[in-house]
Amino acid sequence: QVQLVESGGGLVQAGGSLRLSCAASGRTFSNYVIGWFRQAPGKEREFLARVTGSGGVTYYADSVKGRFTISRDNAKSTVYLQMNSLKPEETAVYYCGAVPNTVFRDRTNPRTYSYWGLGTQVTVSS
């Protein structure tokens, strides 16, 4: 069992930045791939970025590549998502999910992930 708690959301103007955190507790954190997703009202949960257990490999959705950066600190059991140049259409609830490193299904699909936090709201004003 892994428990995840997201934080760092809030209200930001278009073009601004936020850094989200995903703090984990429970089993060995480095055994899990962590992914960031977001979900706007009436829309499906959308993949943003993921990082392997060691932190050595990252992957981004095209929509955020070059603007968002995912990183992890296994000593603190925390994954971060630095978000720059935010747009109003990126207003959503942002979630982190965890899946064991040994699961090699599509890691951009939210159904692959075993554990989720409750999310943190990000609102980007125009």
N, C-alpha and C. Protein backbone atom coordinates (compact mmCIF):
# COMPACT_ATOMS: atom_id res chain seq x y z
N GLN A 1 0.85 -1.19 0.00
CA GLN A 1 0.00 0.00 0.00
C GLN A 1 0.88 1.24 0.00
N VAL A 2 0.53 2.20 -0.86
CA VAL A 2 1.23 3.48 -0.92
C VAL A 2 0.19 4.58 -0.76
N GLN A 3 0.46 5.51 0.10
CA GLN A 3 -0.42 6.67 0.27
C GLN A 3 0.25 7.89 -0.37
N LEU A 4 -0.52 8.63 -1.15
CA LEU A 4 0.00 9.79 -1.87
C LEU A 4 -0.79 11.03 -1.47
N VAL A 5 -0.08 12.13 -1.28
CA VAL A 5 -0.73 13.40 -0.95
C VAL A 5 -0.12 14.50 -1.82
N GLU A 6 -0.98 15.12 -2.63
CA GLU A 6 -0.54 16.22 -3.48
C GLU A 6 -0.70 17.55 -2.74
N SER A 7 0.17 18.49 -3.08
CA SER A 7 0.08 19.84 -2.52
C SER A 7 0.73 20.81 -3.49
N GLY A 8 0.52 22.10 -3.24
CA GLY A 8 1.17 23.13 -4.04
C GLY A 8 0.27 23.80 -5.06
N GLY A 9 -0.96 23.33 -5.18
CA GLY A 9 -1.87 23.96 -6.11
C GLY A 9 -2.30 25.34 -5.62
N GLY A 10 -3.03 26.03 -6.48
CA GLY A 10 -3.51 27.36 -6.11
C GLY A 10 -3.93 28.14 -7.33
N LEU A 11 -4.07 29.44 -7.13
CA LEU A 11 -4.48 30.35 -8.19
C LEU A 11 -3.24 31.07 -8.73
N VAL A 12 -3.09 31.06 -10.03
CA VAL A 12 -1.95 31.71 -10.67
C VAL A 12 -2.43 32.38 -11.95
N GLN A 13 -1.77 33.46 -12.31
CA GLN A 13 -2.11 34.14 -13.56
C GLN A 13 -1.50 33.40 -14.74
N ALA A 14 -2.11 33.57 -15.89
CA ALA A 14 -1.57 32.98 -17.13
C ALA A 14 -0.12 33.42 -17.31
N GLY A 15 0.72 32.45 -17.67
CA GLY A 15 2.14 32.72 -17.81
C GLY A 15 2.94 32.49 -16.54
N GLY A 16 2.25 32.26 -15.45
CA GLY A 16 2.91 32.07 -14.18
C GLY A 16 3.37 30.63 -13.97
N SER A 17 3.90 30.39 -12.77
CA SER A 17 4.48 29.09 -12.43
C SER A 17 3.95 28.59 -11.10
N LEU A 18 3.94 27.29 -10.97
CA LEU A 18 3.64 26.61 -9.71
C LEU A 18 4.51 25.37 -9.62
N ARG A 19 4.80 24.98 -8.38
CA ARG A 19 5.47 23.70 -8.18
C ARG A 19 4.58 22.82 -7.31
N LEU A 20 4.18 21.69 -7.86
CA LEU A 20 3.37 20.72 -7.13
C LEU A 20 4.28 19.68 -6.48
N SER A 21 3.81 19.17 -5.35
CA SER A 21 4.53 18.11 -4.66
C SER A 21 3.60 16.91 -4.50
N CYS A 22 4.19 15.74 -4.54
CA CYS A 22 3.47 14.48 -4.29
C CYS A 22 4.27 13.74 -3.23
N ALA A 23 3.77 13.73 -2.02
CA ALA A 23 4.46 13.09 -0.90
C ALA A 23 3.89 11.69 -0.69
N ALA A 24 4.78 10.73 -0.54
CA ALA A 24 4.35 9.33 -0.41
C ALA A 24 4.72 8.77 0.94
N SER A 25 3.93 7.81 1.38
CA SER A 25 4.24 7.04 2.58
C SER A 25 3.80 5.61 2.34
N GLY A 26 4.36 4.71 3.13
CA GLY A 26 4.01 3.31 2.95
C GLY A 26 5.22 2.52 2.51
N ARG A 27 5.09 1.84 1.40
CA ARG A 27 6.16 0.95 0.94
C ARG A 27 7.33 1.72 0.33
N THR A 28 8.38 1.00 -0.03
CA THR A 28 9.60 1.61 -0.53
C THR A 28 9.32 2.49 -1.74
N PHE A 29 9.54 3.77 -1.56
CA PHE A 29 9.14 4.74 -2.58
C PHE A 29 9.85 4.51 -3.89
N SER A 30 11.12 4.16 -3.86
CA SER A 30 11.90 4.00 -5.08
C SER A 30 11.47 2.80 -5.90
N ASN A 31 10.57 1.98 -5.39
CA ASN A 31 10.05 0.84 -6.14
C ASN A 31 8.92 1.22 -7.09
N TYR A 32 8.57 2.51 -7.11
CA TYR A 32 7.38 2.93 -7.86
C TYR A 32 7.70 4.00 -8.89
N VAL A 33 7.12 3.83 -10.06
CA VAL A 33 7.01 4.90 -11.04
C VAL A 33 5.92 5.85 -10.55
N ILE A 34 6.19 7.14 -10.65
CA ILE A 34 5.20 8.15 -10.28
C ILE A 34 4.81 8.94 -11.52
N GLY A 35 3.53 9.09 -11.71
CA GLY A 35 3.01 9.88 -12.83
C GLY A 35 2.18 11.04 -12.33
N TRP A 36 2.21 12.14 -13.09
CA TRP A 36 1.32 13.28 -12.83
C TRP A 36 0.26 13.32 -13.94
N PHE A 37 -0.96 13.57 -13.51
CA PHE A 37 -2.10 13.67 -14.41
C PHE A 37 -2.92 14.89 -13.99
N ARG A 38 -3.83 15.28 -14.85
CA ARG A 38 -4.79 16.31 -14.46
C ARG A 38 -6.16 15.96 -15.04
N GLN A 39 -7.18 16.51 -14.41
CA GLN A 39 -8.54 16.26 -14.85
C GLN A 39 -9.36 17.52 -14.69
N ALA A 40 -9.86 18.02 -15.81
CA ALA A 40 -10.76 19.17 -15.80
C ALA A 40 -12.19 18.67 -15.75
N PRO A 41 -13.12 19.49 -15.30
CA PRO A 41 -14.52 19.06 -15.21
C PRO A 41 -15.04 18.55 -16.55
N GLY A 42 -15.65 17.39 -16.53
CA GLY A 42 -16.23 16.82 -17.72
C GLY A 42 -15.26 16.20 -18.68
N LYS A 43 -13.99 16.14 -18.31
CA LYS A 43 -12.97 15.58 -19.19
C LYS A 43 -12.31 14.37 -18.55
N GLU A 44 -11.63 13.58 -19.36
CA GLU A 44 -10.91 12.41 -18.85
C GLU A 44 -9.60 12.85 -18.19
N ARG A 45 -9.10 11.96 -17.36
CA ARG A 45 -7.83 12.23 -16.71
C ARG A 45 -6.72 12.17 -17.77
N GLU A 46 -5.89 13.20 -17.77
CA GLU A 46 -4.90 13.40 -18.84
C GLU A 46 -3.48 13.21 -18.29
N PHE A 47 -2.70 12.40 -18.98
CA PHE A 47 -1.31 12.20 -18.59
C PHE A 47 -0.48 13.45 -18.84
N LEU A 48 0.44 13.76 -17.92
CA LEU A 48 1.33 14.90 -18.07
C LEU A 48 2.80 14.48 -18.10
N ALA A 49 3.22 13.70 -17.11
CA ALA A 49 4.63 13.35 -17.00
C ALA A 49 4.78 12.16 -16.07
N ARG A 50 5.87 11.43 -16.22
CA ARG A 50 6.15 10.34 -15.30
C ARG A 50 7.66 10.23 -15.08
N VAL A 51 8.03 9.60 -13.98
CA VAL A 51 9.45 9.42 -13.65
C VAL A 51 9.62 8.02 -13.06
N THR A 52 10.69 7.35 -13.44
CA THR A 52 10.96 6.02 -12.93
C THR A 52 11.39 6.08 -11.47
N GLY A 53 11.42 4.90 -10.83
CA GLY A 53 11.72 4.82 -9.41
C GLY A 53 13.05 5.43 -9.03
N SER A 54 14.04 5.25 -9.86
CA SER A 54 15.37 5.80 -9.59
C SER A 54 15.46 7.29 -9.90
N GLY A 55 14.50 7.77 -10.66
CA GLY A 55 14.53 9.17 -11.11
C GLY A 55 15.33 9.36 -12.37
N GLY A 56 15.84 8.28 -12.93
CA GLY A 56 16.74 8.41 -14.07
C GLY A 56 16.06 8.63 -15.40
N VAL A 57 14.80 8.26 -15.50
CA VAL A 57 14.11 8.36 -16.79
C VAL A 57 12.80 9.12 -16.59
N THR A 58 12.59 10.12 -17.43
CA THR A 58 11.37 10.89 -17.40
C THR A 58 10.72 10.88 -18.78
N TYR A 59 9.43 11.14 -18.80
CA TYR A 59 8.69 11.16 -20.07
C TYR A 59 7.56 12.16 -19.91
N TYR A 60 7.32 12.94 -20.99
CA TYR A 60 6.34 14.01 -20.93
C TYR A 60 5.33 13.91 -22.06
N ALA A 61 4.13 14.37 -21.77
CA ALA A 61 3.16 14.58 -22.84
C ALA A 61 3.62 15.75 -23.71
N ASP A 62 3.29 15.68 -24.99
CA ASP A 62 3.70 16.76 -25.90
C ASP A 62 3.16 18.12 -25.45
N SER A 63 1.99 18.10 -24.84
CA SER A 63 1.34 19.35 -24.46
C SER A 63 2.10 20.12 -23.38
N VAL A 64 2.97 19.44 -22.63
CA VAL A 64 3.68 20.11 -21.54
C VAL A 64 5.18 20.08 -21.70
N LYS A 65 5.67 19.38 -22.71
CA LYS A 65 7.11 19.24 -22.91
C LYS A 65 7.74 20.62 -23.08
N GLY A 66 8.82 20.85 -22.36
CA GLY A 66 9.50 22.14 -22.42
C GLY A 66 8.99 23.16 -21.42
N ARG A 67 7.82 22.91 -20.83
CA ARG A 67 7.26 23.83 -19.83
C ARG A 67 7.20 23.21 -18.44
N PHE A 68 6.97 21.90 -18.37
CA PHE A 68 6.84 21.19 -17.10
C PHE A 68 8.08 20.33 -16.89
N THR A 69 8.48 20.20 -15.63
CA THR A 69 9.61 19.34 -15.29
C THR A 69 9.24 18.48 -14.09
N ILE A 70 9.40 17.17 -14.26
CA ILE A 70 9.14 16.24 -13.16
C ILE A 70 10.48 15.83 -12.55
N SER A 71 10.51 15.72 -11.23
CA SER A 71 11.72 15.28 -10.54
C SER A 71 11.31 14.57 -9.26
N ARG A 72 12.23 13.84 -8.68
CA ARG A 72 11.91 13.14 -7.44
C ARG A 72 13.09 13.17 -6.49
N ASP A 73 12.77 13.15 -5.21
CA ASP A 73 13.75 13.06 -4.14
C ASP A 73 13.37 11.85 -3.31
N ASN A 74 14.02 10.73 -3.56
CA ASN A 74 13.63 9.50 -2.87
C ASN A 74 13.93 9.56 -1.37
N ALA A 75 14.90 10.35 -0.98
CA ALA A 75 15.19 10.50 0.45
C ALA A 75 14.01 11.15 1.18
N LYS A 76 13.26 11.97 0.46
CA LYS A 76 12.09 12.63 1.04
C LYS A 76 10.78 11.98 0.60
N SER A 77 10.87 10.92 -0.20
CA SER A 77 9.68 10.24 -0.71
C SER A 77 8.72 11.22 -1.38
N THR A 78 9.27 12.07 -2.19
CA THR A 78 8.48 13.14 -2.81
C THR A 78 8.85 13.28 -4.28
N VAL A 79 7.82 13.50 -5.08
CA VAL A 79 7.98 13.83 -6.50
C VAL A 79 7.43 15.23 -6.71
N TYR A 80 8.10 15.98 -7.57
CA TYR A 80 7.72 17.36 -7.84
C TYR A 80 7.31 17.52 -9.30
N LEU A 81 6.45 18.49 -9.54
CA LEU A 81 6.13 18.89 -10.90
C LEU A 81 6.24 20.41 -10.96
N GLN A 82 7.30 20.88 -11.60
CA GLN A 82 7.46 22.30 -11.81
C GLN A 82 6.73 22.68 -13.09
N MET A 83 5.81 23.62 -12.98
CA MET A 83 4.97 24.01 -14.11
C MET A 83 5.21 25.48 -14.42
N ASN A 84 5.67 25.75 -15.62
CA ASN A 84 5.92 27.11 -16.06
C ASN A 84 5.03 27.47 -17.23
N SER A 85 4.89 28.76 -17.46
CA SER A 85 4.09 29.26 -18.60
C SER A 85 2.70 28.65 -18.62
N LEU A 86 2.03 28.68 -17.50
CA LEU A 86 0.71 28.06 -17.39
C LEU A 86 -0.33 28.81 -18.20
N LYS A 87 -1.31 28.06 -18.69
CA LYS A 87 -2.37 28.60 -19.55
C LYS A 87 -3.71 28.42 -18.86
N PRO A 88 -4.68 29.29 -19.14
CA PRO A 88 -6.00 29.15 -18.52
C PRO A 88 -6.64 27.79 -18.76
N GLU A 89 -6.43 27.22 -19.92
CA GLU A 89 -7.03 25.92 -20.23
C GLU A 89 -6.40 24.77 -19.44
N GLU A 90 -5.37 25.06 -18.67
CA GLU A 90 -4.75 24.04 -17.83
C GLU A 90 -5.34 24.04 -16.41
N THR A 91 -6.37 24.80 -16.22
CA THR A 91 -7.10 24.75 -14.95
C THR A 91 -7.71 23.36 -14.79
N ALA A 92 -7.40 22.72 -13.66
CA ALA A 92 -7.83 21.34 -13.44
C ALA A 92 -7.42 20.92 -12.04
N VAL A 93 -7.88 19.74 -11.66
CA VAL A 93 -7.34 19.08 -10.47
C VAL A 93 -6.16 18.22 -10.93
N TYR A 94 -5.04 18.38 -10.25
CA TYR A 94 -3.82 17.67 -10.60
C TYR A 94 -3.61 16.53 -9.61
N TYR A 95 -3.34 15.34 -10.15
CA TYR A 95 -3.18 14.12 -9.36
C TYR A 95 -1.83 13.48 -9.62
N CYS A 96 -1.30 12.82 -8.59
CA CYS A 96 -0.16 11.93 -8.82
C CYS A 96 -0.62 10.49 -8.58
N GLY A 97 -0.02 9.60 -9.35
CA GLY A 97 -0.33 8.19 -9.24
C GLY A 97 0.96 7.38 -9.13
N ALA A 98 0.85 6.17 -8.58
CA ALA A 98 2.01 5.31 -8.40
C ALA A 98 1.72 3.93 -8.96
N VAL A 99 2.73 3.37 -9.59
CA VAL A 99 2.64 2.00 -10.11
C VAL A 99 4.01 1.36 -9.90
N PRO A 100 4.07 0.08 -9.53
CA PRO A 100 5.38 -0.56 -9.33
C PRO A 100 6.24 -0.51 -10.57
N ASN A 101 7.54 -0.37 -10.36
CA ASN A 101 8.50 -0.34 -11.48
C ASN A 101 8.38 -1.57 -12.37
N THR A 102 7.92 -2.67 -11.80
CA THR A 102 7.88 -3.95 -12.53
C THR A 102 6.65 -4.08 -13.43
N VAL A 103 5.77 -3.11 -13.40
CA VAL A 103 4.58 -3.13 -14.26
C VAL A 103 4.91 -2.35 -15.51
N PHE A 104 4.90 -3.05 -16.65
CA PHE A 104 5.34 -2.42 -17.89
C PHE A 104 4.20 -2.14 -18.86
N ARG A 105 3.02 -1.97 -18.34
CA ARG A 105 1.90 -1.53 -19.19
C ARG A 105 2.07 -0.05 -19.50
N ASP A 106 1.16 0.44 -20.37
CA ASP A 106 1.22 1.83 -20.82
C ASP A 106 1.17 2.78 -19.62
N ARG A 107 2.24 3.46 -19.36
CA ARG A 107 2.32 4.33 -18.18
C ARG A 107 1.78 5.73 -18.46
N THR A 108 1.23 5.94 -19.64
CA THR A 108 0.50 7.18 -19.89
C THR A 108 -0.99 6.98 -19.66
N ASN A 109 -1.40 5.75 -19.40
CA ASN A 109 -2.81 5.42 -19.19
C ASN A 109 -3.09 5.43 -17.70
N PRO A 110 -4.03 6.24 -17.23
CA PRO A 110 -4.29 6.29 -15.78
C PRO A 110 -4.73 4.94 -15.21
N ARG A 111 -5.29 4.09 -16.04
CA ARG A 111 -5.74 2.78 -15.55
C ARG A 111 -4.57 1.89 -15.15
N THR A 112 -3.37 2.21 -15.59
CA THR A 112 -2.20 1.43 -15.22
C THR A 112 -1.80 1.64 -13.76
N TYR A 113 -2.17 2.78 -13.21
CA TYR A 113 -1.69 3.17 -11.88
C TYR A 113 -2.53 2.57 -10.77
N SER A 114 -1.83 2.10 -9.73
CA SER A 114 -2.48 1.38 -8.65
C SER A 114 -2.96 2.29 -7.53
N TYR A 115 -2.25 3.39 -7.32
CA TYR A 115 -2.52 4.25 -6.17
C TYR A 115 -2.62 5.70 -6.64
N TRP A 116 -3.50 6.45 -5.98
CA TRP A 116 -3.74 7.85 -6.32
C TRP A 116 -3.86 8.69 -5.07
N GLY A 117 -3.47 9.95 -5.20
CA GLY A 117 -3.80 10.92 -4.17
C GLY A 117 -5.15 11.53 -4.45
N LEU A 118 -5.56 12.47 -3.60
CA LEU A 118 -6.86 13.11 -3.73
C LEU A 118 -6.84 14.31 -4.66
N GLY A 119 -5.63 14.74 -5.05
CA GLY A 119 -5.51 15.83 -6.01
C GLY A 119 -5.35 17.18 -5.36
N THR A 120 -4.87 18.12 -6.17
CA THR A 120 -4.73 19.52 -5.75
C THR A 120 -5.22 20.40 -6.89
N GLN A 121 -6.02 21.39 -6.56
CA GLN A 121 -6.63 22.25 -7.57
C GLN A 121 -5.63 23.29 -8.07
N VAL A 122 -5.55 23.41 -9.38
CA VAL A 122 -4.76 24.47 -10.01
C VAL A 122 -5.71 25.29 -10.86
N THR A 123 -5.74 26.58 -10.60
CA THR A 123 -6.59 27.49 -11.36
C THR A 123 -5.70 28.55 -12.01
N VAL A 124 -5.80 28.66 -13.33
CA VAL A 124 -4.99 29.63 -14.06
C VAL A 124 -5.94 30.70 -14.60
N SER A 125 -5.76 31.91 -14.15
CA SER A 125 -6.64 33.00 -14.58
C SER A 125 -6.06 33.71 -15.81
N SER A 126 -6.96 34.22 -16.62
CA SER A 126 -6.52 34.91 -17.86
C SER A 126 -6.33 36.40 -17.62
